[in-house]
Amino acid sequence: MASKAISVGVGIPMIVVGALIAWLCAPLQSEMQNTIEFVGSLIGILGVVFFISGLFYTKEPIMH
């Protein structure tokens, strides 16, 4: 049972914002381009981690 609130509410927006920062904001800044690309990529990677963790989240512990 996946958590849509984590996957859709946190993961996907972080992926989108990270991509926008890395692809649109970084080329506009010549001095700190590498740093801005790194921060955007880091936000995107954390968004992927939140998205995947939302797929595996369950409210009740699974007992085997």
N, C-alpha and C. Protein backbone atom coordinates (compact mmCIF):
# COMPACT_ATOMS: atom_id res chain seq x y z
N MET A 1 0.85 -1.17 0.00
CA MET A 1 0.00 0.00 0.00
C MET A 1 0.90 1.24 0.00
N ALA A 2 0.86 1.97 -1.04
CA ALA A 2 1.73 3.14 -1.20
C ALA A 2 1.08 4.39 -0.60
N SER A 3 1.91 5.34 -0.25
CA SER A 3 1.43 6.61 0.27
C SER A 3 1.47 7.64 -0.86
N LYS A 4 0.30 8.03 -1.33
CA LYS A 4 0.22 9.01 -2.41
C LYS A 4 0.65 10.40 -1.92
N ALA A 5 0.44 10.68 -0.64
CA ALA A 5 0.82 11.99 -0.11
C ALA A 5 2.32 12.20 -0.18
N ILE A 6 3.08 11.16 0.10
CA ILE A 6 4.54 11.28 0.05
C ILE A 6 5.01 11.29 -1.40
N SER A 7 4.53 10.35 -2.20
CA SER A 7 5.00 10.24 -3.58
C SER A 7 4.61 11.43 -4.44
N VAL A 8 3.32 11.77 -4.41
CA VAL A 8 2.82 12.83 -5.28
C VAL A 8 2.99 14.21 -4.66
N GLY A 9 2.85 14.30 -3.36
CA GLY A 9 2.89 15.60 -2.69
C GLY A 9 4.29 16.12 -2.41
N VAL A 10 5.26 15.21 -2.27
CA VAL A 10 6.61 15.64 -1.94
C VAL A 10 7.60 15.26 -3.02
N GLY A 11 7.56 14.01 -3.46
CA GLY A 11 8.56 13.50 -4.41
C GLY A 11 8.54 14.18 -5.76
N ILE A 12 7.40 14.20 -6.39
CA ILE A 12 7.30 14.76 -7.75
C ILE A 12 7.58 16.26 -7.78
N PRO A 13 7.05 17.07 -6.83
CA PRO A 13 7.42 18.49 -6.85
C PRO A 13 8.91 18.74 -6.64
N MET A 14 9.56 17.93 -5.81
CA MET A 14 11.00 18.10 -5.61
C MET A 14 11.77 17.77 -6.87
N ILE A 15 11.34 16.74 -7.60
CA ILE A 15 11.99 16.38 -8.86
C ILE A 15 11.84 17.52 -9.86
N VAL A 16 10.64 18.08 -9.96
CA VAL A 16 10.38 19.15 -10.92
C VAL A 16 11.17 20.41 -10.56
N VAL A 17 11.16 20.79 -9.29
CA VAL A 17 11.88 21.99 -8.86
C VAL A 17 13.38 21.82 -9.06
N GLY A 18 13.91 20.65 -8.72
CA GLY A 18 15.33 20.40 -8.92
C GLY A 18 15.73 20.47 -10.38
N ALA A 19 14.90 19.92 -11.26
CA ALA A 19 15.19 19.99 -12.69
C ALA A 19 15.14 21.43 -13.20
N LEU A 20 14.16 22.19 -12.74
CA LEU A 20 14.06 23.59 -13.17
C LEU A 20 15.25 24.41 -12.70
N ILE A 21 15.69 24.16 -11.48
CA ILE A 21 16.85 24.89 -10.97
C ILE A 21 18.09 24.52 -11.77
N ALA A 22 18.29 23.24 -12.00
CA ALA A 22 19.51 22.79 -12.69
C ALA A 22 19.53 23.21 -14.16
N TRP A 23 18.37 23.18 -14.83
CA TRP A 23 18.36 23.43 -16.27
C TRP A 23 18.08 24.88 -16.64
N LEU A 24 17.28 25.60 -15.85
CA LEU A 24 16.90 26.96 -16.22
C LEU A 24 17.67 28.04 -15.47
N CYS A 25 17.88 27.85 -14.18
CA CYS A 25 18.54 28.90 -13.38
C CYS A 25 20.05 28.86 -13.51
N ALA A 26 20.63 27.69 -13.61
CA ALA A 26 22.09 27.57 -13.63
C ALA A 26 22.73 28.25 -14.85
N PRO A 27 22.21 28.12 -16.05
CA PRO A 27 22.87 28.81 -17.18
C PRO A 27 22.82 30.34 -17.09
N LEU A 28 21.90 30.87 -16.32
CA LEU A 28 21.80 32.32 -16.20
C LEU A 28 22.86 32.90 -15.27
N GLN A 29 23.40 32.08 -14.40
CA GLN A 29 24.42 32.53 -13.45
C GLN A 29 25.78 32.02 -13.90
N SER A 30 26.67 32.91 -14.25
CA SER A 30 27.97 32.48 -14.76
C SER A 30 28.96 32.17 -13.65
N GLU A 31 28.89 32.89 -12.53
CA GLU A 31 29.87 32.70 -11.47
C GLU A 31 29.62 31.43 -10.66
N MET A 32 28.39 31.15 -10.34
CA MET A 32 28.07 30.03 -9.46
C MET A 32 27.31 28.93 -10.19
N GLN A 33 27.57 28.74 -11.45
CA GLN A 33 26.82 27.78 -12.25
C GLN A 33 26.97 26.36 -11.71
N ASN A 34 28.19 25.95 -11.36
CA ASN A 34 28.40 24.59 -10.87
C ASN A 34 27.68 24.35 -9.56
N THR A 35 27.69 25.34 -8.68
CA THR A 35 27.02 25.19 -7.39
C THR A 35 25.51 25.09 -7.56
N ILE A 36 24.95 25.92 -8.43
CA ILE A 36 23.50 25.88 -8.65
C ILE A 36 23.09 24.57 -9.31
N GLU A 37 23.88 24.07 -10.25
CA GLU A 37 23.59 22.78 -10.85
C GLU A 37 23.64 21.66 -9.81
N PHE A 38 24.62 21.75 -8.90
CA PHE A 38 24.74 20.73 -7.86
C PHE A 38 23.53 20.75 -6.93
N VAL A 39 23.12 21.93 -6.51
CA VAL A 39 21.97 22.05 -5.60
C VAL A 39 20.70 21.56 -6.30
N GLY A 40 20.50 21.93 -7.55
CA GLY A 40 19.33 21.46 -8.30
C GLY A 40 19.32 19.96 -8.46
N SER A 41 20.47 19.39 -8.76
CA SER A 41 20.57 17.94 -8.90
C SER A 41 20.33 17.25 -7.56
N LEU A 42 20.84 17.82 -6.48
CA LEU A 42 20.64 17.24 -5.16
C LEU A 42 19.16 17.26 -4.77
N ILE A 43 18.47 18.34 -5.06
CA ILE A 43 17.04 18.42 -4.78
C ILE A 43 16.29 17.36 -5.60
N GLY A 44 16.66 17.21 -6.87
CA GLY A 44 16.02 16.21 -7.71
C GLY A 44 16.26 14.79 -7.22
N ILE A 45 17.48 14.50 -6.79
CA ILE A 45 17.79 13.16 -6.29
C ILE A 45 17.04 12.88 -5.00
N LEU A 46 16.97 13.86 -4.12
CA LEU A 46 16.18 13.68 -2.89
C LEU A 46 14.70 13.49 -3.21
N GLY A 47 14.21 14.15 -4.25
CA GLY A 47 12.83 13.94 -4.68
C GLY A 47 12.59 12.52 -5.15
N VAL A 48 13.56 11.94 -5.85
CA VAL A 48 13.44 10.54 -6.28
C VAL A 48 13.43 9.62 -5.07
N VAL A 49 14.27 9.93 -4.07
CA VAL A 49 14.30 9.11 -2.85
C VAL A 49 12.95 9.18 -2.12
N PHE A 50 12.39 10.38 -2.00
CA PHE A 50 11.07 10.52 -1.36
C PHE A 50 9.99 9.81 -2.17
N PHE A 51 10.06 9.89 -3.49
CA PHE A 51 9.07 9.22 -4.34
C PHE A 51 9.12 7.71 -4.13
N ILE A 52 10.31 7.15 -4.13
CA ILE A 52 10.45 5.69 -3.95
C ILE A 52 10.06 5.28 -2.54
N SER A 53 10.44 6.07 -1.54
CA SER A 53 10.05 5.72 -0.17
C SER A 53 8.54 5.79 0.01
N GLY A 54 7.88 6.70 -0.70
CA GLY A 54 6.42 6.77 -0.64
C GLY A 54 5.76 5.55 -1.24
N LEU A 55 6.42 4.90 -2.19
CA LEU A 55 5.86 3.68 -2.78
C LEU A 55 5.91 2.51 -1.80
N PHE A 56 6.89 2.51 -0.90
CA PHE A 56 7.05 1.39 0.02
C PHE A 56 6.50 1.66 1.42
N TYR A 57 5.95 2.84 1.66
CA TYR A 57 5.45 3.20 2.99
C TYR A 57 4.13 2.51 3.26
N THR A 58 4.01 1.93 4.46
CA THR A 58 2.73 1.37 4.92
C THR A 58 2.46 1.89 6.32
N LYS A 59 1.21 2.12 6.63
CA LYS A 59 0.85 2.61 7.96
C LYS A 59 0.88 1.50 9.00
N GLU A 60 0.52 0.29 8.58
CA GLU A 60 0.55 -0.84 9.49
C GLU A 60 1.79 -1.67 9.22
N PRO A 61 2.45 -2.15 10.26
CA PRO A 61 3.61 -3.03 10.03
C PRO A 61 3.17 -4.34 9.39
N ILE A 62 3.97 -4.83 8.49
CA ILE A 62 3.67 -6.08 7.79
C ILE A 62 4.29 -7.22 8.57
N MET A 63 3.47 -8.12 9.06
CA MET A 63 3.95 -9.28 9.82
C MET A 63 3.90 -10.51 8.94
N HIS A 64 5.00 -11.20 8.84
CA HIS A 64 5.03 -12.43 8.03
C HIS A 64 4.97 -13.64 8.90
